[in-house]
C-alpha atoms as a PDB file:
ATOM      1  CA  UNK A   1     -22.944 101.173  47.792  1.00  0.00           C
ATOM      2  CA  UNK A   2     -21.335 103.870  45.523  1.00  0.00           C
ATOM      3  CA  UNK A   3     -23.787 105.908  46.970  1.00  0.00           C
ATOM      4  CA  UNK A   4     -23.093 105.256  50.961  1.00  0.00           C
ATOM      5  CA  UNK A   5     -19.314 105.858  49.796  1.00  0.00           C
ATOM      6  CA  UNK A   6     -19.406 109.059  48.298  1.00  0.00           C
ATOM      7  CA  UNK A   7     -22.368 110.263  50.612  1.00  0.00           C
ATOM      8  CA  UNK A   8     -19.999 109.285  53.521  1.00  0.00           C
ATOM      9  CA  UNK A   9     -17.031 110.878  51.694  1.00  0.00           C
ATOM     10  CA  UNK A  10     -19.435 114.668  51.696  1.00  0.00           C
ATOM     11  CA  UNK A  11     -19.979 114.212  55.383  1.00  0.00           C
ATOM     12  CA  UNK A  12     -16.614 113.724  56.006  1.00  0.00           C
ATOM     13  CA  UNK A  13     -14.833 116.486  53.617  1.00  0.00           C
ATOM     14  CA  UNK A  14     -17.907 118.561  55.488  1.00  0.00           C
ATOM     15  CA  UNK A  15     -16.394 117.763  58.782  1.00  0.00           C
ATOM     16  CA  UNK A  16     -12.540 118.904  57.601  1.00  0.00           C
ATOM     17  CA  UNK A  17     -13.943 121.926  56.220  1.00  0.00           C
ATOM     18  CA  UNK A  18     -15.716 123.110  59.765  1.00  0.00           C
ATOM     19  CA  UNK A  19     -12.406 121.340  61.628  1.00  0.00           C
ATOM     20  CA  UNK A  20     -10.070 123.827  59.513  1.00  0.00           C
ATOM     21  CA  UNK A  21     -12.166 126.369  60.268  1.00  0.00           C
ATOM     22  CA  UNK A  22     -12.166 125.669  64.042  1.00  0.00           C
ATOM     23  CA  UNK A  23      -8.546 125.040  63.871  1.00  0.00           C
ATOM     24  CA  UNK A  24      -7.715 128.582  61.622  1.00  0.00           C
ATOM     25  CA  UNK A  25      -9.820 130.533  64.188  1.00  0.00           C
ATOM     26  CA  UNK A  26      -7.906 129.108  67.397  1.00  0.00           C
ATOM     27  CA  UNK A  27      -4.777 130.184  65.955  1.00  0.00           C
ATOM     28  CA  UNK A  28      -5.973 133.435  65.418  1.00  0.00           C
ATOM     29  CA  UNK A  29      -8.047 134.122  68.186  1.00  0.00           C
ATOM     30  CA  UNK A  30      -9.425 136.617  65.958  1.00  0.00           C
ATOM     31  CA  UNK A  31     -13.242 135.502  66.732  1.00  0.00           C
ATOM     32  CA  UNK A  32     -15.326 138.428  66.160  1.00  0.00           C
ATOM     33  CA  UNK A  33     -13.777 138.535  62.969  1.00  0.00           C
ATOM     34  CA  UNK A  34     -14.450 134.700  62.310  1.00  0.00           C
ATOM     35  CA  UNK A  35     -18.275 135.584  62.783  1.00  0.00           C
ATOM     36  CA  UNK A  36     -18.576 139.147  61.049  1.00  0.00           C
ATOM     37  CA  UNK A  37     -16.957 137.057  58.020  1.00  0.00           C
ATOM     38  CA  UNK A  38     -19.494 134.423  58.955  1.00  0.00           C
ATOM     39  CA  UNK A  39     -22.095 136.520  58.510  1.00  0.00           C
ATOM     40  CA  UNK A  40     -21.120 138.286  55.374  1.00  0.00           C
ATOM     41  CA  UNK A  41     -20.616 134.451  53.884  1.00  0.00           C
ATOM     42  CA  UNK A  42     -23.720 133.189  54.867  1.00  0.00           C
ATOM     43  CA  UNK A  43     -26.302 136.116  53.389  1.00  0.00           C
ATOM     44  CA  UNK A  44     -24.356 135.888  50.636  1.00  0.00           C
ATOM     45  CA  UNK A  45     -24.249 132.564  50.122  1.00  0.00           C
ATOM     46  CA  UNK A  46     -28.040 131.757  50.962  1.00  0.00           C
ATOM     47  CA  UNK A  47     -28.980 134.881  48.508  1.00  0.00           C
ATOM     48  CA  UNK A  48     -27.069 132.767  46.195  1.00  0.00           C
ATOM     49  CA  UNK A  49     -29.064 129.661  46.726  1.00  0.00           C
ATOM     50  CA  UNK A  50     -32.013 131.244  46.918  1.00  0.00           C
ATOM     51  CA  UNK A  51     -31.847 133.104  43.329  1.00  0.00           C
ATOM     52  CA  UNK A  52     -29.665 130.488  41.691  1.00  0.00           C
ATOM     53  CA  UNK A  53     -32.132 129.217  39.559  1.00  0.00           C
ATOM     54  CA  UNK A  54     -32.733 132.534  38.187  1.00  0.00           C
ATOM     55  CA  UNK A  55     -29.294 133.562  38.222  1.00  0.00           C
ATOM     56  CA  UNK A  56     -28.123 130.308  36.182  1.00  0.00           C
ATOM     57  CA  UNK A  57     -30.658 130.368  33.683  1.00  0.00           C
ATOM     58  CA  UNK A  58     -30.481 134.331  32.688  1.00  0.00           C
ATOM     59  CA  UNK A  59     -26.668 133.790  32.085  1.00  0.00           C
ATOM     60  CA  UNK A  60     -27.366 131.273  30.046  1.00  0.00           C
ATOM     61  CA  UNK A  61     -30.394 133.198  27.942  1.00  0.00           C
ATOM     62  CA  UNK A  62     -32.190 129.763  28.254  1.00  0.00           C
ATOM     63  CA  UNK A  63     -35.373 129.602  26.950  1.00  0.00           C
ATOM     64  CA  UNK A  64     -38.755 127.833  28.800  1.00  0.00           C
ATOM     65  CA  UNK A  65     -39.855 124.739  26.963  1.00  0.00           C
ATOM     66  CA  UNK A  66     -43.397 123.646  27.519  1.00  0.00           C
ATOM     67  CA  UNK A  67     -45.070 120.230  25.950  1.00  0.00           C
ATOM     68  CA  UNK A  68     -45.420 121.904  22.517  1.00  0.00           C
ATOM     69  CA  UNK A  69     -42.368 123.654  22.206  1.00  0.00           C
ATOM     70  CA  UNK A  70     -40.430 120.508  22.265  1.00  0.00           C
ATOM     71  CA  UNK A  71     -42.547 117.035  22.905  1.00  0.00           C
ATOM     72  CA  UNK A  72     -40.290 114.410  23.560  1.00  0.00           C
ATOM     73  CA  UNK A  73     -37.923 115.954  25.468  1.00  0.00           C
ATOM     74  CA  UNK A  74     -40.794 117.739  27.740  1.00  0.00           C
ATOM     75  CA  UNK A  75     -42.395 113.988  27.897  1.00  0.00           C
ATOM     76  CA  UNK A  76     -38.978 112.621  28.575  1.00  0.00           C
ATOM     77  CA  UNK A  77     -37.976 115.004  31.159  1.00  0.00           C
ATOM     78  CA  UNK A  78     -42.225 115.121  33.043  1.00  0.00           C
ATOM     79  CA  UNK A  79     -41.898 110.930  32.619  1.00  0.00           C
ATOM     80  CA  UNK A  80     -38.093 110.620  34.582  1.00  0.00           C
ATOM     81  CA  UNK A  81     -39.475 113.295  37.441  1.00  0.00           C
ATOM     82  CA  UNK A  82     -42.218 110.879  38.108  1.00  0.00           C
ATOM     83  CA  UNK A  83     -40.000 107.672  38.196  1.00  0.00           C
ATOM     84  CA  UNK A  84     -37.920 109.938  40.869  1.00  0.00           C
ATOM     85  CA  UNK A  85     -40.586 110.819  42.473  1.00  0.00           C
ATOM     86  CA  UNK A  86     -39.929 114.539  42.102  1.00  0.00           C
ATOM     87  CA  UNK A  87     -41.981 117.217  40.798  1.00  0.00           C
ATOM     88  CA  UNK A  88     -41.406 118.146  36.890  1.00  0.00           C
ATOM     89  CA  UNK A  89     -39.032 121.053  37.104  1.00  0.00           C
ATOM     90  CA  UNK A  90     -38.630 123.959  35.034  1.00  0.00           C
ATOM     91  CA  UNK A  91     -37.147 123.294  31.966  1.00  0.00           C
ATOM     92  CA  UNK A  92     -35.159 125.281  29.280  1.00  0.00           C
ATOM     93  CA  UNK A  93     -33.037 125.203  26.375  1.00  0.00           C
ATOM     94  CA  UNK A  94     -30.012 127.038  26.378  1.00  0.00           C
ATOM     95  CA  UNK A  95     -28.724 128.547  22.833  1.00  0.00           C
ATOM     96  CA  UNK A  96     -25.236 127.859  23.453  1.00  0.00           C
ATOM     97  CA  UNK A  97     -23.370 125.444  21.366  1.00  0.00           C
ATOM     98  CA  UNK A  98     -21.154 124.232  23.394  1.00  0.00           C
ATOM     99  CA  UNK A  99     -22.911 120.710  24.445  1.00  0.00           C
ATOM    100  CA  UNK A 100     -23.658 120.974  28.280  1.00  0.00           C
ATOM    101  CA  UNK A 101     -26.322 120.607  30.905  1.00  0.00           C
ATOM    102  CA  UNK A 102     -27.008 121.756  34.541  1.00  0.00           C
ATOM    103  CA  UNK A 103     -29.966 121.503  36.642  1.00  0.00           C
ATOM    104  CA  UNK A 104     -30.270 124.485  39.659  1.00  0.00           C
ATOM    105  CA  UNK A 105     -32.793 125.398  42.472  1.00  0.00           C
ATOM    106  CA  UNK A 106     -33.311 125.680  45.821  1.00  0.00           C
ATOM    107  CA  UNK A 107     -35.086 122.705  46.557  1.00  0.00           C
ATOM    108  CA  UNK A 108     -37.686 120.316  44.027  1.00  0.00           C
ATOM    109  CA  UNK A 109     -40.439 122.602  43.927  1.00  0.00           C
ATOM    110  CA  UNK A 110     -38.013 125.091  43.020  1.00  0.00           C
ATOM    111  CA  UNK A 111     -35.666 123.629  40.699  1.00  0.00           C
ATOM    112  CA  UNK A 112     -34.726 123.635  37.093  1.00  0.00           C
ATOM    113  CA  UNK A 113     -33.488 121.585  34.071  1.00  0.00           C
ATOM    114  CA  UNK A 114     -31.188 123.109  31.201  1.00  0.00           C
ATOM    115  CA  UNK A 115     -29.631 121.832  28.003  1.00  0.00           C
ATOM    116  CA  UNK A 116     -27.884 123.639  25.865  1.00  0.00           C
ATOM    117  CA  UNK A 117     -28.481 123.349  21.834  1.00  0.00           C
ATOM    118  CA  UNK A 118     -25.624 121.461  21.358  1.00  0.00           C
ATOM    119  CA  UNK A 119     -26.028 118.833  23.708  1.00  0.00           C
ATOM    120  CA  UNK A 120     -29.009 118.183  21.718  1.00  0.00           C
ATOM    121  CA  UNK A 121     -27.195 118.596  18.432  1.00  0.00           C
ATOM    122  CA  UNK A 122     -24.828 115.294  19.870  1.00  0.00           C
ATOM    123  CA  UNK A 123     -26.462 113.073  21.684  1.00  0.00           C
ATOM    124  CA  UNK A 124     -29.373 110.759  20.860  1.00  0.00           C
ATOM    125  CA  UNK A 125     -32.891 110.441  22.778  1.00  0.00           C
ATOM    126  CA  UNK A 126     -30.906 107.737  25.154  1.00  0.00           C
ATOM    127  CA  UNK A 127     -27.911 109.993  25.974  1.00  0.00           C
ATOM    128  CA  UNK A 128     -30.392 113.052  26.357  1.00  0.00           C
ATOM    129  CA  UNK A 129     -32.363 110.903  29.186  1.00  0.00           C
ATOM    130  CA  UNK A 130     -29.304 109.265  30.743  1.00  0.00           C
ATOM    131  CA  UNK A 131     -28.069 113.076  30.899  1.00  0.00           C
ATOM    132  CA  UNK A 132     -31.878 114.752  32.074  1.00  0.00           C
ATOM    133  CA  UNK A 133     -31.844 111.968  34.511  1.00  0.00           C
ATOM    134  CA  UNK A 134     -28.259 113.069  36.381  1.00  0.00           C
ATOM    135  CA  UNK A 135     -29.685 116.371  36.729  1.00  0.00           C
ATOM    136  CA  UNK A 136     -32.987 115.130  38.559  1.00  0.00           C
ATOM    137  CA  UNK A 137     -30.562 113.463  40.805  1.00  0.00           C
ATOM    138  CA  UNK A 138     -28.704 115.944  42.110  1.00  0.00           C
ATOM    139  CA  UNK A 139     -32.360 118.052  42.203  1.00  0.00           C
ATOM    140  CA  UNK A 140     -33.759 114.747  44.484  1.00  0.00           C
ATOM    141  CA  UNK A 141     -30.076 115.039  46.529  1.00  0.00           C
ATOM    142  CA  UNK A 142     -30.635 118.520  47.089  1.00  0.00           C
ATOM    143  CA  UNK A 143     -26.693 119.252  45.943  1.00  0.00           C
ATOM    144  CA  UNK A 144     -27.245 122.724  45.567  1.00  0.00           C
ATOM    145  CA  UNK A 145     -27.659 123.200  49.348  1.00  0.00           C
ATOM    146  CA  UNK A 146     -24.334 120.968  49.921  1.00  0.00           C
ATOM    147  CA  UNK A 147     -22.481 123.024  47.682  1.00  0.00           C
ATOM    148  CA  UNK A 148     -23.614 126.427  49.265  1.00  0.00           C
ATOM    149  CA  UNK A 149     -22.744 125.203  52.164  1.00  0.00           C
ATOM    150  CA  UNK A 150     -19.038 124.064  50.942  1.00  0.00           C
ATOM    151  CA  UNK A 151     -18.914 127.555  49.601  1.00  0.00           C
ATOM    152  CA  UNK A 152     -19.972 129.600  52.510  1.00  0.00           C
ATOM    153  CA  UNK A 153     -16.934 128.149  54.425  1.00  0.00           C
ATOM    154  CA  UNK A 154     -14.311 128.519  51.778  1.00  0.00           C
ATOM    155  CA  UNK A 155     -15.671 131.735  51.577  1.00  0.00           C
ATOM    156  CA  UNK A 156     -15.145 132.731  54.673  1.00  0.00           C
ATOM    157  CA  UNK A 157     -11.740 131.589  54.471  1.00  0.00           C
ATOM    158  CA  UNK A 158     -11.564 134.277  51.302  1.00  0.00           C
ATOM    159  CA  UNK A 159     -12.438 136.860  53.310  1.00  0.00           C
ATOM    160  CA  UNK A 160     -10.368 136.218  55.901  1.00  0.00           C
ATOM    161  CA  UNK A 161      -7.536 135.890  54.079  1.00  0.00           C
ATOM    162  CA  UNK A 162      -8.164 139.583  52.487  1.00  0.00           C
ATOM    163  CA  UNK A 163      -9.246 141.178  55.780  1.00  0.00           C
ATOM    164  CA  UNK A 164      -5.908 139.644  57.607  1.00  0.00           C
ATOM    165  CA  UNK A 165      -3.767 141.054  54.573  1.00  0.00           C
ATOM    166  CA  UNK A 166      -5.464 144.414  54.945  1.00  0.00           C
ATOM    167  CA  UNK A 167      -5.540 144.695  58.650  1.00  0.00           C
ATOM    168  CA  UNK A 168      -3.273 142.275  59.874  1.00  0.00           C
ATOM    169  CA  UNK A 169      -6.116 140.731  62.223  1.00  0.00           C
ATOM    170  CA  UNK A 170      -5.838 138.824  64.681  1.00  0.00           C
ATOM    171  CA  UNK A 171      -2.799 140.337  65.505  1.00  0.00           C
ATOM    172  CA  UNK A 172      -3.825 141.033  68.865  1.00  0.00           C
ATOM    173  CA  UNK A 173      -2.127 138.301  70.753  1.00  0.00           C
ATOM    174  CA  UNK A 174       1.168 139.970  69.103  1.00  0.00           C
ATOM    175  CA  UNK A 175       1.833 137.175  66.591  1.00  0.00           C
ATOM    176  CA  UNK A 176       3.037 138.010  63.080  1.00  0.00           C
ATOM    177  CA  UNK A 177       0.856 139.312  60.695  1.00  0.00           C
ATOM    178  CA  UNK A 178       2.871 137.540  57.788  1.00  0.00           C
ATOM    179  CA  UNK A 179       2.443 134.337  59.672  1.00  0.00           C
ATOM    180  CA  UNK A 180      -1.404 134.718  60.057  1.00  0.00           C
ATOM    181  CA  UNK A 181      -1.811 135.992  56.750  1.00  0.00           C
ATOM    182  CA  UNK A 182       0.006 133.372  55.580  1.00  0.00           C
ATOM    183  CA  UNK A 183      -2.084 130.910  57.934  1.00  0.00           C
ATOM    184  CA  UNK A 184      -5.219 132.184  56.132  1.00  0.00           C
ATOM    185  CA  UNK A 185      -4.269 131.891  52.727  1.00  0.00           C
ATOM    186  CA  UNK A 186      -3.027 128.509  53.255  1.00  0.00           C
ATOM    187  CA  UNK A 187      -6.647 127.697  55.149  1.00  0.00           C
ATOM    188  CA  UNK A 188      -8.664 129.229  52.174  1.00  0.00           C
ATOM    189  CA  UNK A 189      -6.477 126.404  50.211  1.00  0.00           C
ATOM    190  CA  UNK A 190      -7.162 123.683  51.722  1.00  0.00           C
ATOM    191  CA  UNK A 191     -10.801 124.958  51.568  1.00  0.00           C
ATOM    192  CA  UNK A 192     -11.017 124.957  48.126  1.00  0.00           C
ATOM    193  CA  UNK A 193      -9.511 121.581  47.693  1.00  0.00           C
ATOM    194  CA  UNK A 194     -12.543 120.518  50.271  1.00  0.00           C
ATOM    195  CA  UNK A 195     -15.295 122.042  48.474  1.00  0.00           C
ATOM    196  CA  UNK A 196     -14.192 120.718  44.734  1.00  0.00           C
ATOM    197  CA  UNK A 197     -13.823 117.133  46.306  1.00  0.00           C
ATOM    198  CA  UNK A 198     -17.284 117.439  48.047  1.00  0.00           C
ATOM    199  CA  UNK A 199     -17.999 118.322  44.350  1.00  0.00           C
ATOM    200  CA  UNK A 200     -16.311 115.708  42.762  1.00  0.00           C
ATOM    201  CA  UNK A 201     -18.215 113.059  45.528  1.00  0.00           C
ATOM    202  CA  UNK A 202     -21.580 114.570  44.485  1.00  0.00           C
ATOM    203  CA  UNK A 203     -20.805 113.976  40.473  1.00  0.00           C
ATOM    204  CA  UNK A 204     -19.954 110.231  41.465  1.00  0.00           C
ATOM    205  CA  UNK A 205     -23.522 110.475  43.452  1.00  0.00           C
ATOM    206  CA  UNK A 206     -26.024 111.943  40.591  1.00  0.00           C
ATOM    207  CA  UNK A 207     -24.177 109.498  37.880  1.00  0.00           C
ATOM    208  CA  UNK A 208     -25.348 106.273  40.322  1.00  0.00           C
ATOM    209  CA  UNK A 209     -28.674 107.901  41.232  1.00  0.00           C
ATOM    210  CA  UNK A 210     -29.433 109.088  37.482  1.00  0.00           C
ATOM    211  CA  UNK A 211     -28.942 105.466  35.974  1.00  0.00           C
ATOM    212  CA  UNK A 212     -31.164 104.603  38.679  1.00  0.00           C
ATOM    213  CA  UNK A 213     -34.041 106.986  37.542  1.00  0.00           C
ATOM    214  CA  UNK A 214     -33.085 106.113  33.875  1.00  0.00           C
ATOM    215  CA  UNK A 215     -33.242 102.229  34.511  1.00  0.00           C
ATOM    216  CA  UNK A 216     -29.914 101.737  33.320  1.00  0.00           C
ATOM    217  CA  UNK A 217     -25.962 103.400  33.062  1.00  0.00           C
ATOM    218  CA  UNK A 218     -25.534 102.889  29.139  1.00  0.00           C
ATOM    219  CA  UNK A 219     -27.174 106.127  27.726  1.00  0.00           C
ATOM    220  CA  UNK A 220     -25.617 108.510  30.870  1.00  0.00           C
ATOM    221  CA  UNK A 221     -22.112 106.351  30.135  1.00  0.00           C
ATOM    222  CA  UNK A 222     -22.103 107.220  26.239  1.00  0.00           C
ATOM    223  CA  UNK A 223     -22.982 110.805  26.736  1.00  0.00           C
ATOM    224  CA  UNK A 224     -20.310 111.209  29.252  1.00  0.00           C
ATOM    225  CA  UNK A 225     -18.011 109.979  26.578  1.00  0.00           C
ATOM    226  CA  UNK A 226     -19.593 112.389  23.795  1.00  0.00           C
ATOM    227  CA  UNK A 227     -19.747 115.206  26.154  1.00  0.00           C
ATOM    228  CA  UNK A 228     -16.327 115.044  27.269  1.00  0.00           C
ATOM    229  CA  UNK A 229     -14.785 114.640  23.490  1.00  0.00           C
ATOM    230  CA  UNK A 230     -16.785 117.746  22.343  1.00  0.00           C
ATOM    231  CA  UNK A 231     -16.218 120.280  24.989  1.00  0.00           C
ATOM    232  CA  UNK A 232     -12.591 120.262  24.645  1.00  0.00           C
ATOM    233  CA  UNK A 233     -13.774 121.486  20.867  1.00  0.00           C
ATOM    234  CA  UNK A 234     -16.220 123.346  21.642  1.00  0.00           C
ATOM    235  CA  UNK A 235     -15.831 125.444  24.906  1.00  0.00           C
ATOM    236  CA  UNK A 236     -18.478 127.473  26.048  1.00  0.00           C
ATOM    237  CA  UNK A 237     -17.894 131.238  25.718  1.00  0.00           C
ATOM    238  CA  UNK A 238     -17.081 132.628  28.882  1.00  0.00           C
ATOM    239  CA  UNK A 239     -18.725 130.422  31.666  1.00  0.00           C
ATOM    240  CA  UNK A 240     -18.278 131.989  35.221  1.00  0.00           C
ATOM    241  CA  UNK A 241     -15.942 129.492  36.967  1.00  0.00           C
ATOM    242  CA  UNK A 242     -18.086 129.460  40.137  1.00  0.00           C
ATOM    243  CA  UNK A 243     -21.209 128.076  37.805  1.00  0.00           C
ATOM    244  CA  UNK A 244     -18.377 125.248  36.781  1.00  0.00           C
ATOM    245  CA  UNK A 245     -20.085 122.518  39.467  1.00  0.00           C
ATOM    246  CA  UNK A 246     -23.168 123.005  38.372  1.00  0.00           C
ATOM    247  CA  UNK A 247     -22.632 121.464  34.821  1.00  0.00           C
ATOM    248  CA  UNK A 248     -22.527 117.283  33.377  1.00  0.00           C
ATOM    249  CA  UNK A 249     -19.097 118.024  32.652  1.00  0.00           C
ATOM    250  CA  UNK A 250     -16.905 120.815  33.622  1.00  0.00           C
ATOM    251  CA  UNK A 251     -16.845 123.897  31.169  1.00  0.00           C
ATOM    252  CA  UNK A 252     -12.956 124.749  30.060  1.00  0.00           C
ATOM    253  CA  UNK A 253     -11.219 121.840  31.934  1.00  0.00           C
ATOM    254  CA  UNK A 254      -7.739 121.679  30.139  1.00  0.00           C
ATOM    255  CA  UNK A 255      -4.749 120.074  30.938  1.00  0.00           C
ATOM    256  CA  UNK A 256      -3.541 122.973  32.819  1.00  0.00           C
ATOM    257  CA  UNK A 257      -5.841 122.647  35.165  1.00  0.00           C
ATOM    258  CA  UNK A 258      -4.808 120.388  38.367  1.00  0.00           C
ATOM    259  CA  UNK A 259      -6.976 118.065  39.362  1.00  0.00           C
ATOM    260  CA  UNK A 260      -7.163 119.383  42.952  1.00  0.00           C
ATOM    261  CA  UNK A 261      -9.452 122.197  41.961  1.00  0.00           C
ATOM    262  CA  UNK A 262     -11.377 120.592  39.010  1.00  0.00           C
ATOM    263  CA  UNK A 263     -14.840 120.278  40.095  1.00  0.00           C
ATOM    264  CA  UNK A 264     -15.885 117.385  38.430  1.00  0.00           C
ATOM    265  CA  UNK A 265     -13.844 113.719  38.557  1.00  0.00           C
ATOM    266  CA  UNK A 266     -12.274 112.357  35.592  1.00  0.00           C
ATOM    267  CA  UNK A 267     -14.585 110.865  32.958  1.00  0.00           C
ATOM    268  CA  UNK A 268     -12.920 107.971  32.222  1.00  0.00           C
ATOM    269  CA  UNK A 269     -13.356 107.497  35.853  1.00  0.00           C
ATOM    270  CA  UNK A 270     -17.337 108.319  36.081  1.00  0.00           C
ATOM    271  CA  UNK A 271     -17.739 105.909  33.048  1.00  0.00           C
ATOM    272  CA  UNK A 272     -15.974 102.820  34.816  1.00  0.00           C
ATOM    273  CA  UNK A 273     -18.131 103.676  37.923  1.00  0.00           C
ATOM    274  CA  UNK A 274     -21.147 103.799  35.879  1.00  0.00           C
ATOM    275  CA  UNK A 275     -20.410 100.296  34.092  1.00  0.00           C
ATOM    276  CA  UNK A 276     -19.583  98.483  37.262  1.00  0.00           C
ATOM    277  CA  UNK A 277     -23.627  99.170  37.408  1.00  0.00           C
ATOM    278  CA  UNK A 278     -24.651  96.818  35.072  1.00  0.00           C
END
């Protein structure tokens, strides 16, 4: 039921993003600009999606892990991938003290799971397996593709707002350029909020599916509690905010960050949802 509800929510939110784009485009009347911005956005986001595994792992200085490098971690990942009916992803350990993990890749055949050194020091084996199962769920559900679609639409709005500010785009009908820019900015903010809402919905789905892959929600629930507490004490060094949705807990999420733009739901809500699966 949790998976169905949040998958439905993802579909509705994506539909709202498309509707918002059409509504703003209709108001502006600048269809050529929308097509140009859309084409650029698609190219940029397709490139990011296609090369996301290389970009993300390199930015975190990930070191590949083989069966002889970290035997129990490799074997646990292989076993969980088999239980999820997935090919074995590339596995990496990142020399970062902040405890966290992420999954990336354009499809299950080109996927990677990375855990930080801090995560391995903080969690026990059951908790690490819960985290790995969560990341495998992201891979199985192709959440990278969903995030790319949402980012593409949000990126179109951002570029339109920028172009509108510089050139008064869409003013062919004699409309007030300030009004047009204002509409574009509102659209960009709205698209950003919807993109974050989509990311939060996908986290609930990955939690539920990860618990099923691991065979129990207990390891993941316990891991989330520890990760949330420690991430506030040991922040990641200069992470790219655009990559926040890739991690199991959001880096640098503080009290000053509005929940509207948070890429993850509150950990308390995630744990409560997992406990209902027992």
